[in-house]
Amino acid sequence: MTTLEKLTLVLKELELSLRDAEKFDSGNTSAGARLRKQSQVAVRSLKELRKMVQDVKAARKAEKTPA
């Protein structure tokens, strides 16, 4: 999976959370619990994306460095 695909997936997950955010703002406490769970999933996904980027950067740097 490319970094663009991973980021697009995270953004889609967050877009789906908008409905629960609206419900929570309207007073639905259960929607808040779902929103917190979805937020935690997004955090994990973004950490994975960050690691992917770091790994690619390190690999590129290793390719450029003469042995």
PDB file of N, CA and C in Angstrom:
ATOM      1  N   MET A   1       0.851  -1.176   0.000  1.00  0.00           N
ATOM      2  CA  MET A   1       0.000   0.000   0.000  1.00  0.00           C
ATOM      3  C   MET A   1       0.897   1.239   0.000  1.00  0.00           C
ATOM      4  N   THR A   2       0.577   2.170  -0.860  1.00  0.00           N
ATOM      5  CA  THR A   2       1.361   3.391  -0.938  1.00  0.00           C
ATOM      6  C   THR A   2       0.950   4.354   0.179  1.00  0.00           C
ATOM      7  N   THR A   3       1.767   5.353   0.395  1.00  0.00           N
ATOM      8  CA  THR A   3       1.446   6.341   1.428  1.00  0.00           C
ATOM      9  C   THR A   3       0.182   7.107   1.057  1.00  0.00           C
ATOM     10  N   LEU A   4       0.002   7.385  -0.215  1.00  0.00           N
ATOM     11  CA  LEU A   4      -1.201   8.091  -0.655  1.00  0.00           C
ATOM     12  C   LEU A   4      -2.455   7.256  -0.390  1.00  0.00           C
ATOM     13  N   GLU A   5      -2.377   5.970  -0.681  1.00  0.00           N
ATOM     14  CA  GLU A   5      -3.514   5.080  -0.429  1.00  0.00           C
ATOM     15  C   GLU A   5      -3.822   5.005   1.063  1.00  0.00           C
ATOM     16  N   LYS A   6      -2.785   4.908   1.879  1.00  0.00           N
ATOM     17  CA  LYS A   6      -2.965   4.832   3.331  1.00  0.00           C
ATOM     18  C   LYS A   6      -3.613   6.109   3.861  1.00  0.00           C
ATOM     19  N   LEU A   7      -3.135   7.258   3.419  1.00  0.00           N
ATOM     20  CA  LEU A   7      -3.687   8.526   3.870  1.00  0.00           C
ATOM     21  C   LEU A   7      -5.134   8.687   3.404  1.00  0.00           C
ATOM     22  N   THR A   8      -5.424   8.282   2.189  1.00  0.00           N
ATOM     23  CA  THR A   8      -6.788   8.344   1.667  1.00  0.00           C
ATOM     24  C   THR A   8      -7.719   7.475   2.504  1.00  0.00           C
ATOM     25  N   LEU A   9      -7.248   6.309   2.897  1.00  0.00           N
ATOM     26  CA  LEU A   9      -8.041   5.416   3.731  1.00  0.00           C
ATOM     27  C   LEU A   9      -8.335   6.060   5.089  1.00  0.00           C
ATOM     28  N   VAL A  10      -7.339   6.675   5.696  1.00  0.00           N
ATOM     29  CA  VAL A  10      -7.528   7.342   6.986  1.00  0.00           C
ATOM     30  C   VAL A  10      -8.541   8.482   6.849  1.00  0.00           C
ATOM     31  N   LEU A  11      -8.418   9.251   5.793  1.00  0.00           N
ATOM     32  CA  LEU A  11      -9.353  10.357   5.584  1.00  0.00           C
ATOM     33  C   LEU A  11     -10.787   9.863   5.386  1.00  0.00           C
ATOM     34  N   LYS A  12     -10.952   8.761   4.684  1.00  0.00           N
ATOM     35  CA  LYS A  12     -12.293   8.199   4.494  1.00  0.00           C
ATOM     36  C   LYS A  12     -12.872   7.741   5.823  1.00  0.00           C
ATOM     37  N   GLU A  13     -12.034   7.112   6.658  1.00  0.00           N
ATOM     38  CA  GLU A  13     -12.483   6.684   7.982  1.00  0.00           C
ATOM     39  C   GLU A  13     -12.935   7.886   8.810  1.00  0.00           C
ATOM     40  N   LEU A  14     -12.190   8.960   8.734  1.00  0.00           N
ATOM     41  CA  LEU A  14     -12.546  10.156   9.493  1.00  0.00           C
ATOM     42  C   LEU A  14     -13.818  10.806   8.947  1.00  0.00           C
ATOM     43  N   GLU A  15     -13.988  10.769   7.632  1.00  0.00           N
ATOM     44  CA  GLU A  15     -15.210  11.318   7.047  1.00  0.00           C
ATOM     45  C   GLU A  15     -16.435  10.558   7.549  1.00  0.00           C
ATOM     46  N   LEU A  16     -16.291   9.250   7.707  1.00  0.00           N
ATOM     47  CA  LEU A  16     -17.396   8.447   8.220  1.00  0.00           C
ATOM     48  C   LEU A  16     -17.714   8.800   9.674  1.00  0.00           C
ATOM     49  N   SER A  17     -16.745   9.340  10.370  1.00  0.00           N
ATOM     50  CA  SER A  17     -16.930   9.715  11.774  1.00  0.00           C
ATOM     51  C   SER A  17     -17.705  11.017  11.926  1.00  0.00           C
ATOM     52  N   LEU A  18     -17.853  11.765  10.864  1.00  0.00           N
ATOM     53  CA  LEU A  18     -18.543  13.052  10.942  1.00  0.00           C
ATOM     54  C   LEU A  18     -19.982  12.914  11.446  1.00  0.00           C
ATOM     55  N   ARG A  19     -20.666  11.883  11.014  1.00  0.00           N
ATOM     56  CA  ARG A  19     -22.049  11.686  11.442  1.00  0.00           C
ATOM     57  C   ARG A  19     -22.120  11.481  12.954  1.00  0.00           C
ATOM     58  N   ASP A  20     -21.201  10.668  13.489  1.00  0.00           N
ATOM     59  CA  ASP A  20     -21.183  10.460  14.934  1.00  0.00           C
ATOM     60  C   ASP A  20     -20.808  11.737  15.675  1.00  0.00           C
ATOM     61  N   ALA A  21     -19.949  12.548  15.095  1.00  0.00           N
ATOM     62  CA  ALA A  21     -19.589  13.820  15.724  1.00  0.00           C
ATOM     63  C   ALA A  21     -20.811  14.735  15.803  1.00  0.00           C
ATOM     64  N   GLU A  22     -21.583  14.764  14.732  1.00  0.00           N
ATOM     65  CA  GLU A  22     -22.804  15.572  14.733  1.00  0.00           C
ATOM     66  C   GLU A  22     -23.800  15.066  15.775  1.00  0.00           C
ATOM     67  N   LYS A  23     -23.950  13.740  15.844  1.00  0.00           N
ATOM     68  CA  LYS A  23     -24.866  13.157  16.830  1.00  0.00           C
ATOM     69  C   LYS A  23     -24.403  13.460  18.251  1.00  0.00           C
ATOM     70  N   PHE A  24     -23.096  13.363  18.475  1.00  0.00           N
ATOM     71  CA  PHE A  24     -22.563  13.650  19.806  1.00  0.00           C
ATOM     72  C   PHE A  24     -22.814  15.106  20.185  1.00  0.00           C
ATOM     73  N   ASP A  25     -22.593  16.003  19.238  1.00  0.00           N
ATOM     74  CA  ASP A  25     -22.840  17.425  19.497  1.00  0.00           C
ATOM     75  C   ASP A  25     -24.311  17.704  19.793  1.00  0.00           C
ATOM     76  N   SER A  26     -25.185  16.835  19.285  1.00  0.00           N
ATOM     77  CA  SER A  26     -26.612  16.999  19.532  1.00  0.00           C
ATOM     78  C   SER A  26     -27.053  16.355  20.843  1.00  0.00           C
ATOM     79  N   GLY A  27     -26.105  15.726  21.552  1.00  0.00           N
ATOM     80  CA  GLY A  27     -26.438  15.163  22.854  1.00  0.00           C
ATOM     81  C   GLY A  27     -26.443  13.651  22.930  1.00  0.00           C
ATOM     82  N   ASN A  28     -26.115  12.960  21.870  1.00  0.00           N
ATOM     83  CA  ASN A  28     -26.105  11.496  21.867  1.00  0.00           C
ATOM     84  C   ASN A  28     -24.776  11.000  22.436  1.00  0.00           C
ATOM     85  N   THR A  29     -24.810  10.508  23.670  1.00  0.00           N
ATOM     86  CA  THR A  29     -23.590  10.073  24.353  1.00  0.00           C
ATOM     87  C   THR A  29     -22.985   8.830  23.696  1.00  0.00           C
ATOM     88  N   SER A  30     -23.819   7.922  23.212  1.00  0.00           N
ATOM     89  CA  SER A  30     -23.315   6.707  22.561  1.00  0.00           C
ATOM     90  C   SER A  30     -22.478   7.037  21.332  1.00  0.00           C
ATOM     91  N   ALA A  31     -22.868   8.082  20.635  1.00  0.00           N
ATOM     92  CA  ALA A  31     -22.102   8.505  19.458  1.00  0.00           C
ATOM     93  C   ALA A  31     -20.716   8.974  19.876  1.00  0.00           C
ATOM     94  N   GLY A  32     -20.603   9.537  21.059  1.00  0.00           N
ATOM     95  CA  GLY A  32     -19.303   9.966  21.570  1.00  0.00           C
ATOM     96  C   GLY A  32     -18.364   8.796  21.766  1.00  0.00           C
ATOM     97  N   ALA A  33     -18.895   7.683  22.284  1.00  0.00           N
ATOM     98  CA  ALA A  33     -18.072   6.485  22.472  1.00  0.00           C
ATOM     99  C   ALA A  33     -17.584   5.952  21.124  1.00  0.00           C
ATOM    100  N   ARG A  34     -18.470   5.936  20.143  1.00  0.00           N
ATOM    101  CA  ARG A  34     -18.068   5.480  18.799  1.00  0.00           C
ATOM    102  C   ARG A  34     -17.029   6.417  18.202  1.00  0.00           C
ATOM    103  N   LEU A  35     -17.224   7.690  18.423  1.00  0.00           N
ATOM    104  CA  LEU A  35     -16.291   8.692  17.895  1.00  0.00           C
ATOM    105  C   LEU A  35     -14.905   8.530  18.507  1.00  0.00           C
ATOM    106  N   ARG A  36     -14.858   8.284  19.806  1.00  0.00           N
ATOM    107  CA  ARG A  36     -13.565   8.069  20.473  1.00  0.00           C
ATOM    108  C   ARG A  36     -12.869   6.838  19.906  1.00  0.00           C
ATOM    109  N   LYS A  37     -13.627   5.768  19.683  1.00  0.00           N
ATOM    110  CA  LYS A  37     -13.052   4.540  19.129  1.00  0.00           C
ATOM    111  C   LYS A  37     -12.515   4.789  17.719  1.00  0.00           C
ATOM    112  N   GLN A  38     -13.313   5.463  16.900  1.00  0.00           N
ATOM    113  CA  GLN A  38     -12.893   5.755  15.536  1.00  0.00           C
ATOM    114  C   GLN A  38     -11.664   6.664  15.522  1.00  0.00           C
ATOM    115  N   SER A  39     -11.608   7.577  16.466  1.00  0.00           N
ATOM    116  CA  SER A  39     -10.449   8.477  16.569  1.00  0.00           C
ATOM    117  C   SER A  39      -9.193   7.695  16.914  1.00  0.00           C
ATOM    118  N   GLN A  40      -9.331   6.731  17.808  1.00  0.00           N
ATOM    119  CA  GLN A  40      -8.165   5.923  18.198  1.00  0.00           C
ATOM    120  C   GLN A  40      -7.676   5.085  17.025  1.00  0.00           C
ATOM    121  N   VAL A  41      -8.598   4.560  16.236  1.00  0.00           N
ATOM    122  CA  VAL A  41      -8.219   3.796  15.044  1.00  0.00           C
ATOM    123  C   VAL A  41      -7.460   4.699  14.072  1.00  0.00           C
ATOM    124  N   ALA A  42      -7.943   5.930  13.919  1.00  0.00           N
ATOM    125  CA  ALA A  42      -7.278   6.882  13.024  1.00  0.00           C
ATOM    126  C   ALA A  42      -5.875   7.201  13.525  1.00  0.00           C
ATOM    127  N   VAL A  43      -5.723   7.351  14.842  1.00  0.00           N
ATOM    128  CA  VAL A  43      -4.403   7.633  15.415  1.00  0.00           C
ATOM    129  C   VAL A  43      -3.441   6.491  15.090  1.00  0.00           C
ATOM    130  N   ARG A  44      -3.900   5.262  15.278  1.00  0.00           N
ATOM    131  CA  ARG A  44      -3.038   4.098  14.973  1.00  0.00           C
ATOM    132  C   ARG A  44      -2.664   4.072  13.495  1.00  0.00           C
ATOM    133  N   SER A  45      -3.635   4.335  12.646  1.00  0.00           N
ATOM    134  CA  SER A  45      -3.376   4.329  11.200  1.00  0.00           C
ATOM    135  C   SER A  45      -2.380   5.417  10.815  1.00  0.00           C
ATOM    136  N   LEU A  46      -2.508   6.592  11.428  1.00  0.00           N
ATOM    137  CA  LEU A  46      -1.574   7.679  11.128  1.00  0.00           C
ATOM    138  C   LEU A  46      -0.172   7.362  11.637  1.00  0.00           C
ATOM    139  N   LYS A  47      -0.072   6.657  12.752  1.00  0.00           N
ATOM    140  CA  LYS A  47       1.247   6.244  13.242  1.00  0.00           C
ATOM    141  C   LYS A  47       1.885   5.254  12.273  1.00  0.00           C
ATOM    142  N   GLU A  48       1.056   4.351  11.726  1.00  0.00           N
ATOM    143  CA  GLU A  48       1.562   3.406  10.727  1.00  0.00           C
ATOM    144  C   GLU A  48       2.038   4.153   9.479  1.00  0.00           C
ATOM    145  N   LEU A  49       1.270   5.152   9.062  1.00  0.00           N
ATOM    146  CA  LEU A  49       1.646   5.961   7.905  1.00  0.00           C
ATOM    147  C   LEU A  49       2.965   6.674   8.166  1.00  0.00           C
ATOM    148  N   ARG A  50       3.099   7.230   9.345  1.00  0.00           N
ATOM    149  CA  ARG A  50       4.330   7.935   9.711  1.00  0.00           C
ATOM    150  C   ARG A  50       5.533   6.993   9.640  1.00  0.00           C
ATOM    151  N   LYS A  51       5.351   5.764  10.139  1.00  0.00           N
ATOM    152  CA  LYS A  51       6.434   4.787  10.090  1.00  0.00           C
ATOM    153  C   LYS A  51       6.767   4.411   8.650  1.00  0.00           C
ATOM    154  N   MET A  52       5.739   4.271   7.817  1.00  0.00           N
ATOM    155  CA  MET A  52       5.968   3.969   6.402  1.00  0.00           C
ATOM    156  C   MET A  52       6.828   5.045   5.762  1.00  0.00           C
ATOM    157  N   VAL A  53       6.498   6.306   6.028  1.00  0.00           N
ATOM    158  CA  VAL A  53       7.246   7.420   5.455  1.00  0.00           C
ATOM    159  C   VAL A  53       8.686   7.401   5.948  1.00  0.00           C
ATOM    160  N   GLN A  54       8.881   7.166   7.243  1.00  0.00           N
ATOM    161  CA  GLN A  54      10.233   7.125   7.793  1.00  0.00           C
ATOM    162  C   GLN A  54      11.047   5.998   7.171  1.00  0.00           C
ATOM    163  N   ASP A  55      10.412   4.840   6.990  1.00  0.00           N
ATOM    164  CA  ASP A  55      11.114   3.699   6.404  1.00  0.00           C
ATOM    165  C   ASP A  55      11.531   3.984   4.957  1.00  0.00           C
ATOM    166  N   VAL A  56      10.645   4.598   4.201  1.00  0.00           N
ATOM    167  CA  VAL A  56      10.959   4.930   2.804  1.00  0.00           C
ATOM    168  C   VAL A  56      12.097   5.952   2.758  1.00  0.00           C
ATOM    169  N   LYS A  57      12.022   6.953   3.626  1.00  0.00           N
ATOM    170  CA  LYS A  57      13.084   7.964   3.658  1.00  0.00           C
ATOM    171  C   LYS A  57      14.430   7.326   3.995  1.00  0.00           C
ATOM    172  N   ALA A  58      14.452   6.410   4.960  1.00  0.00           N
ATOM    173  CA  ALA A  58      15.689   5.755   5.346  1.00  0.00           C
ATOM    174  C   ALA A  58      16.223   4.890   4.204  1.00  0.00           C
ATOM    175  N   ALA A  59      15.324   4.206   3.506  1.00  0.00           N
ATOM    176  CA  ALA A  59      15.753   3.369   2.384  1.00  0.00           C
ATOM    177  C   ALA A  59      16.321   4.221   1.257  1.00  0.00           C
ATOM    178  N   ARG A  60      15.687   5.343   0.994  1.00  0.00           N
ATOM    179  CA  ARG A  60      16.199   6.243  -0.052  1.00  0.00           C
ATOM    180  C   ARG A  60      17.556   6.800   0.321  1.00  0.00           C
ATOM    181  N   LYS A  61      17.708   7.141   1.574  1.00  0.00           N
ATOM    182  CA  LYS A  61      18.981   7.686   2.034  1.00  0.00           C
ATOM    183  C   LYS A  61      20.084   6.618   1.931  1.00  0.00           C
ATOM    184  N   ALA A  62      19.731   5.368   2.272  1.00  0.00           N
ATOM    185  CA  ALA A  62      20.708   4.283   2.187  1.00  0.00           C
ATOM    186  C   ALA A  62      21.116   4.018   0.735  1.00  0.00           C
ATOM    187  N   GLU A  63      20.191   4.186  -0.203  1.00  0.00           N
ATOM    188  CA  GLU A  63      20.509   3.983  -1.618  1.00  0.00           C
ATOM    189  C   GLU A  63      21.467   5.048  -2.127  1.00  0.00           C
ATOM    190  N   LYS A  64      21.350   6.265  -1.624  1.00  0.00           N
ATOM    191  CA  LYS A  64      22.177   7.373  -2.090  1.00  0.00           C
ATOM    192  C   LYS A  64      23.570   7.321  -1.487  1.00  0.00           C
ATOM    193  N   THR A  65      23.687   6.765  -0.299  1.00  0.00           N
ATOM    194  CA  THR A  65      24.980   6.729   0.386  1.00  0.00           C
ATOM    195  C   THR A  65      25.883   5.688  -0.273  1.00  0.00           C
ATOM    196  N   PRO A  66      27.057   6.126  -0.749  1.00  0.00           N
ATOM    197  CA  PRO A  66      27.987   5.168  -1.368  1.00  0.00           C
ATOM    198  C   PRO A  66      28.561   4.221  -0.304  1.00  0.00           C
ATOM    199  N   ALA A  67      28.727   2.992  -0.674  1.00  0.00           N
ATOM    200  CA  ALA A  67      29.224   1.974   0.266  1.00  0.00           C
ATOM    201  C   ALA A  67      30.724   1.963   0.357  1.00  0.00           C
TER     202      ALA A  67
END
